[in-house]
C-alpha cells in the first residue's frame, strides 16, 4: 500500500513582510521569464503575495494549504491580459517556496 504524502510545513514566520516581499519579487521575475514581461505580471505577483502574507499572519504554515488559498483567491483575479492562470501562479509559488527551502520541487527530496 502506498504511503500518503507528508505535508510540507514552513518554518515559523520571522519577518512576514520580508517573506511577502521576497515572494512578490521572485514570482514577478518568474512570470516575466516564463513568457514575456507584461505589466499585469506585477499585479499578479502583488496579489499572490498578499494572499500568502495574510495566510501566514493567520498562522498557516502548511504549504499545501497555502497553495490552495492562493489558487482559490486568485480565481477572482482578471487573467484576461495574461498568459497565466490561477493554477500556474499557485504552482509557481509552490515551486519558488520549495526551492527556497532547498527541496527539489520535482521529486520532493531535499
N, C-alpha and C. Protein backbone atom coordinates (compact mmCIF):
# COMPACT_ATOMS: atom_id res chain seq x y z
N UNK A 1 0.85 -1.18 0.00
CA UNK A 1 0.00 0.00 0.00
C UNK A 1 0.89 1.24 0.00
N UNK A 2 0.50 2.24 -0.72
CA UNK A 2 1.32 3.45 -0.81
C UNK A 2 1.15 4.33 0.43
N UNK A 3 2.20 5.07 0.69
CA UNK A 3 2.20 5.98 1.84
C UNK A 3 1.58 7.32 1.43
N UNK A 4 0.82 7.95 2.31
CA UNK A 4 0.31 9.29 1.99
C UNK A 4 1.47 10.28 1.92
N UNK A 5 1.29 11.29 1.13
CA UNK A 5 2.31 12.34 1.02
C UNK A 5 2.30 13.17 2.29
N UNK A 6 3.46 13.30 2.89
CA UNK A 6 3.56 14.10 4.11
C UNK A 6 3.46 15.59 3.77
N UNK A 7 2.81 16.35 4.63
CA UNK A 7 2.72 17.79 4.37
C UNK A 7 4.09 18.46 4.49
N UNK A 8 4.26 19.52 3.77
CA UNK A 8 5.48 20.33 3.90
C UNK A 8 5.11 21.52 4.77
N UNK A 9 5.73 21.60 5.93
CA UNK A 9 5.44 22.64 6.90
C UNK A 9 6.56 23.68 6.83
N UNK A 10 6.17 24.92 6.63
CA UNK A 10 7.14 26.01 6.56
C UNK A 10 7.62 26.37 7.95
N UNK A 11 8.85 26.87 8.03
CA UNK A 11 9.34 27.31 9.34
C UNK A 11 8.50 28.47 9.87
N UNK A 12 8.54 28.70 11.16
CA UNK A 12 7.79 29.84 11.72
C UNK A 12 8.19 31.15 11.05
N UNK A 13 7.24 32.04 10.98
CA UNK A 13 7.48 33.35 10.35
C UNK A 13 8.44 34.16 11.21
N UNK A 14 9.50 34.64 10.60
CA UNK A 14 10.44 35.53 11.28
C UNK A 14 10.10 36.99 10.98
N UNK A 15 9.89 37.28 9.69
CA UNK A 15 9.56 38.63 9.23
C UNK A 15 8.57 38.47 8.09
N UNK A 16 7.29 38.56 8.41
CA UNK A 16 6.24 38.30 7.43
C UNK A 16 6.29 39.26 6.24
N UNK A 17 6.57 40.51 6.51
CA UNK A 17 6.66 41.50 5.41
C UNK A 17 7.80 41.16 4.47
N UNK A 18 8.94 40.73 5.02
CA UNK A 18 10.09 40.38 4.19
C UNK A 18 9.77 39.13 3.36
N UNK A 19 9.10 38.16 3.95
CA UNK A 19 8.70 36.95 3.21
C UNK A 19 7.80 37.32 2.03
N UNK A 20 6.83 38.19 2.30
CA UNK A 20 5.89 38.59 1.25
C UNK A 20 6.61 39.37 0.14
N UNK A 21 7.54 40.25 0.53
CA UNK A 21 8.31 41.00 -0.49
C UNK A 21 9.14 40.05 -1.33
N UNK A 22 9.80 39.08 -0.67
CA UNK A 22 10.60 38.10 -1.40
C UNK A 22 9.72 37.34 -2.40
N UNK A 23 8.55 36.89 -1.94
CA UNK A 23 7.67 36.14 -2.82
C UNK A 23 7.21 37.01 -3.99
N UNK A 24 6.85 38.25 -3.72
CA UNK A 24 6.38 39.13 -4.79
C UNK A 24 7.47 39.34 -5.84
N UNK A 25 8.69 39.64 -5.41
CA UNK A 25 9.80 39.86 -6.35
C UNK A 25 10.12 38.57 -7.11
N UNK A 26 10.21 37.46 -6.40
CA UNK A 26 10.56 36.18 -7.03
C UNK A 26 9.50 35.75 -8.03
N UNK A 27 8.24 35.87 -7.66
CA UNK A 27 7.16 35.48 -8.55
C UNK A 27 7.11 36.40 -9.77
N UNK A 28 7.29 37.70 -9.54
CA UNK A 28 7.29 38.65 -10.67
C UNK A 28 8.40 38.29 -11.65
N UNK A 29 9.59 37.99 -11.15
CA UNK A 29 10.70 37.59 -12.02
C UNK A 29 10.35 36.31 -12.77
N UNK A 30 9.79 35.35 -12.08
CA UNK A 30 9.43 34.08 -12.72
C UNK A 30 8.41 34.31 -13.84
N UNK A 31 7.38 35.09 -13.55
CA UNK A 31 6.35 35.38 -14.55
C UNK A 31 6.97 36.05 -15.79
N UNK A 32 7.84 37.03 -15.56
CA UNK A 32 8.47 37.74 -16.68
C UNK A 32 9.38 36.83 -17.49
N UNK A 33 10.04 35.89 -16.84
CA UNK A 33 10.96 35.00 -17.54
C UNK A 33 10.24 33.85 -18.24
N UNK A 34 9.09 33.45 -17.72
CA UNK A 34 8.39 32.29 -18.27
C UNK A 34 7.85 32.57 -19.68
N UNK A 35 7.31 33.76 -19.92
CA UNK A 35 6.85 34.14 -21.25
C UNK A 35 7.51 35.45 -21.62
N UNK A 36 6.76 36.54 -21.52
CA UNK A 36 7.33 37.86 -21.79
C UNK A 36 6.94 38.78 -20.65
N UNK A 37 7.78 39.77 -20.38
CA UNK A 37 7.41 40.74 -19.33
C UNK A 37 6.13 41.50 -19.74
N UNK A 38 5.19 41.53 -18.83
CA UNK A 38 3.94 42.24 -19.04
C UNK A 38 3.60 43.04 -17.79
N UNK A 39 2.98 44.20 -17.93
CA UNK A 39 2.60 44.99 -16.75
C UNK A 39 1.73 44.21 -15.76
N UNK A 40 0.87 43.33 -16.27
CA UNK A 40 -0.03 42.59 -15.38
C UNK A 40 0.74 41.63 -14.47
N UNK A 41 1.94 41.23 -14.85
CA UNK A 41 2.71 40.31 -14.01
C UNK A 41 2.98 40.88 -12.63
N UNK A 42 3.23 42.17 -12.56
CA UNK A 42 3.46 42.80 -11.26
C UNK A 42 2.20 42.72 -10.40
N UNK A 43 1.05 42.94 -11.01
CA UNK A 43 -0.22 42.87 -10.27
C UNK A 43 -0.50 41.44 -9.79
N UNK A 44 -0.20 40.47 -10.64
CA UNK A 44 -0.39 39.07 -10.26
C UNK A 44 0.50 38.74 -9.06
N UNK A 45 1.77 39.11 -9.14
CA UNK A 45 2.71 38.82 -8.06
C UNK A 45 2.30 39.52 -6.77
N UNK A 46 1.83 40.74 -6.90
CA UNK A 46 1.40 41.50 -5.72
C UNK A 46 0.19 40.83 -5.06
N UNK A 47 -0.78 40.43 -5.87
CA UNK A 47 -1.98 39.79 -5.32
C UNK A 47 -1.64 38.46 -4.65
N UNK A 48 -0.83 37.64 -5.30
CA UNK A 48 -0.46 36.35 -4.73
C UNK A 48 0.31 36.52 -3.42
N UNK A 49 1.21 37.49 -3.38
CA UNK A 49 1.98 37.71 -2.16
C UNK A 49 1.10 38.24 -1.03
N UNK A 50 0.07 39.01 -1.35
CA UNK A 50 -0.85 39.49 -0.32
C UNK A 50 -1.64 38.33 0.29
N UNK A 51 -2.07 37.41 -0.56
CA UNK A 51 -2.78 36.22 -0.06
C UNK A 51 -1.85 35.41 0.84
N UNK A 52 -0.61 35.21 0.36
CA UNK A 52 0.38 34.47 1.14
C UNK A 52 0.61 35.14 2.50
N UNK A 53 0.81 36.44 2.50
CA UNK A 53 1.06 37.18 3.73
C UNK A 53 -0.11 37.02 4.71
N UNK A 54 -1.31 37.20 4.22
CA UNK A 54 -2.48 37.09 5.09
C UNK A 54 -2.58 35.68 5.69
N UNK A 55 -2.36 34.68 4.87
CA UNK A 55 -2.42 33.31 5.36
C UNK A 55 -1.36 33.03 6.42
N UNK A 56 -0.15 33.51 6.17
CA UNK A 56 0.95 33.30 7.15
C UNK A 56 0.65 34.04 8.45
N UNK A 57 0.10 35.26 8.36
CA UNK A 57 -0.23 36.02 9.57
C UNK A 57 -1.35 35.35 10.35
N UNK A 58 -2.20 34.59 9.65
CA UNK A 58 -3.27 33.85 10.32
C UNK A 58 -2.79 32.52 10.89
N UNK A 59 -1.48 32.24 10.71
CA UNK A 59 -0.91 31.05 11.32
C UNK A 59 -0.74 29.86 10.40
N UNK A 60 -1.04 30.01 9.13
CA UNK A 60 -0.91 28.88 8.21
C UNK A 60 0.55 28.62 7.89
N UNK A 61 0.95 27.37 8.01
CA UNK A 61 2.34 27.01 7.69
C UNK A 61 2.42 25.79 6.78
N UNK A 62 1.29 25.18 6.47
CA UNK A 62 1.25 24.03 5.57
C UNK A 62 1.29 24.54 4.13
N UNK A 63 2.31 24.15 3.38
CA UNK A 63 2.48 24.63 2.01
C UNK A 63 1.28 24.28 1.14
N UNK A 64 0.76 23.09 1.30
CA UNK A 64 -0.41 22.69 0.50
C UNK A 64 -1.60 23.61 0.75
N UNK A 65 -1.85 23.94 1.99
CA UNK A 65 -2.96 24.83 2.33
C UNK A 65 -2.72 26.24 1.78
N UNK A 66 -1.46 26.68 1.82
CA UNK A 66 -1.13 28.00 1.27
C UNK A 66 -1.39 28.03 -0.24
N UNK A 67 -1.01 26.98 -0.91
CA UNK A 67 -1.21 26.90 -2.37
C UNK A 67 -2.70 26.89 -2.70
N UNK A 68 -3.48 26.14 -1.95
CA UNK A 68 -4.92 26.09 -2.18
C UNK A 68 -5.54 27.47 -1.92
N UNK A 69 -5.09 28.17 -0.89
CA UNK A 69 -5.61 29.51 -0.61
C UNK A 69 -5.28 30.47 -1.75
N UNK A 70 -4.05 30.40 -2.25
CA UNK A 70 -3.67 31.28 -3.37
C UNK A 70 -4.49 30.94 -4.60
N UNK A 71 -4.63 29.66 -4.89
CA UNK A 71 -5.42 29.22 -6.04
C UNK A 71 -6.86 29.73 -5.92
N UNK A 72 -7.45 29.53 -4.76
CA UNK A 72 -8.84 29.92 -4.55
C UNK A 72 -9.03 31.43 -4.69
N UNK A 73 -8.17 32.20 -4.05
CA UNK A 73 -8.34 33.66 -4.09
C UNK A 73 -7.95 34.26 -5.43
N UNK A 74 -7.02 33.62 -6.14
CA UNK A 74 -6.63 34.15 -7.45
C UNK A 74 -7.69 33.86 -8.52
N UNK A 75 -8.66 33.01 -8.21
CA UNK A 75 -9.76 32.77 -9.17
C UNK A 75 -10.51 34.06 -9.46
N UNK A 76 -10.51 34.99 -8.52
CA UNK A 76 -11.18 36.27 -8.71
C UNK A 76 -10.35 37.30 -9.47
N UNK A 77 -9.10 36.96 -9.77
CA UNK A 77 -8.21 37.89 -10.49
C UNK A 77 -8.52 37.83 -11.98
N UNK A 78 -8.46 38.96 -12.65
CA UNK A 78 -8.70 39.03 -14.10
C UNK A 78 -7.41 38.67 -14.85
N UNK A 79 -7.34 37.46 -15.35
CA UNK A 79 -6.17 36.99 -16.09
C UNK A 79 -6.30 37.22 -17.60
N UNK A 80 -7.27 38.01 -18.02
CA UNK A 80 -7.51 38.19 -19.46
C UNK A 80 -6.35 38.87 -20.19
N UNK A 81 -5.51 39.60 -19.47
CA UNK A 81 -4.37 40.28 -20.07
C UNK A 81 -3.06 39.52 -19.84
N UNK A 82 -3.18 38.25 -19.51
CA UNK A 82 -2.02 37.46 -19.12
C UNK A 82 -2.00 36.11 -19.82
N UNK A 83 -0.82 35.53 -19.91
CA UNK A 83 -0.68 34.16 -20.40
C UNK A 83 -0.95 33.15 -19.29
N UNK A 84 -1.06 33.60 -18.07
CA UNK A 84 -1.13 32.73 -16.91
C UNK A 84 -2.56 32.53 -16.42
N UNK A 85 -2.69 31.59 -15.49
CA UNK A 85 -3.96 31.34 -14.81
C UNK A 85 -3.67 31.21 -13.32
N UNK A 86 -4.72 31.10 -12.53
CA UNK A 86 -4.53 30.93 -11.09
C UNK A 86 -3.77 29.63 -10.79
N UNK A 87 -3.94 28.62 -11.62
CA UNK A 87 -3.23 27.35 -11.40
C UNK A 87 -1.73 27.51 -11.61
N UNK A 88 -1.35 28.20 -12.68
CA UNK A 88 0.07 28.43 -12.96
C UNK A 88 0.71 29.24 -11.84
N UNK A 89 -0.01 30.24 -11.35
CA UNK A 89 0.52 31.10 -10.30
C UNK A 89 0.69 30.31 -9.00
N UNK A 90 -0.32 29.55 -8.60
CA UNK A 90 -0.23 28.76 -7.36
C UNK A 90 0.90 27.73 -7.45
N UNK A 91 1.04 27.08 -8.60
CA UNK A 91 2.12 26.12 -8.78
C UNK A 91 3.49 26.80 -8.74
N UNK A 92 3.59 27.97 -9.35
CA UNK A 92 4.86 28.71 -9.33
C UNK A 92 5.23 29.11 -7.90
N UNK A 93 4.25 29.56 -7.13
CA UNK A 93 4.50 29.92 -5.73
C UNK A 93 5.03 28.71 -4.97
N UNK A 94 4.40 27.58 -5.16
CA UNK A 94 4.85 26.35 -4.51
C UNK A 94 6.29 26.03 -4.89
N UNK A 95 6.59 26.06 -6.18
CA UNK A 95 7.95 25.77 -6.65
C UNK A 95 8.97 26.74 -6.08
N UNK A 96 8.64 28.03 -6.05
CA UNK A 96 9.57 29.03 -5.51
C UNK A 96 9.84 28.80 -4.03
N UNK A 97 8.79 28.50 -3.28
CA UNK A 97 8.96 28.27 -1.84
C UNK A 97 9.77 27.00 -1.60
N UNK A 98 9.46 25.94 -2.33
CA UNK A 98 10.22 24.69 -2.18
C UNK A 98 11.69 24.91 -2.51
N UNK A 99 11.94 25.64 -3.59
CA UNK A 99 13.32 25.94 -3.96
C UNK A 99 14.02 26.72 -2.86
N UNK A 100 13.33 27.67 -2.25
CA UNK A 100 13.95 28.47 -1.19
C UNK A 100 14.26 27.63 0.05
N UNK A 101 13.52 26.52 0.21
CA UNK A 101 13.75 25.62 1.34
C UNK A 101 14.77 24.54 1.02
N UNK A 102 15.22 24.51 -0.23
CA UNK A 102 16.18 23.50 -0.63
C UNK A 102 15.57 22.16 -0.95
N UNK A 103 14.28 22.15 -1.28
CA UNK A 103 13.56 20.93 -1.61
C UNK A 103 13.40 20.87 -3.12
N UNK A 104 13.73 19.73 -3.70
CA UNK A 104 13.56 19.53 -5.14
C UNK A 104 12.07 19.50 -5.43
N UNK A 105 11.55 20.51 -6.13
CA UNK A 105 10.11 20.59 -6.37
C UNK A 105 9.63 19.56 -7.37
N UNK A 106 10.54 18.92 -8.06
CA UNK A 106 10.17 17.85 -9.00
C UNK A 106 9.85 16.56 -8.25
N UNK A 107 10.68 16.22 -7.33
CA UNK A 107 10.57 14.90 -6.68
C UNK A 107 10.35 14.98 -5.18
N UNK A 108 10.36 16.16 -4.61
CA UNK A 108 10.09 16.32 -3.19
C UNK A 108 11.19 15.88 -2.26
N UNK A 109 12.41 15.83 -2.74
CA UNK A 109 13.53 15.40 -1.91
C UNK A 109 14.44 16.58 -1.59
N UNK A 110 15.02 16.55 -0.41
CA UNK A 110 15.98 17.59 -0.02
C UNK A 110 17.29 17.40 -0.73
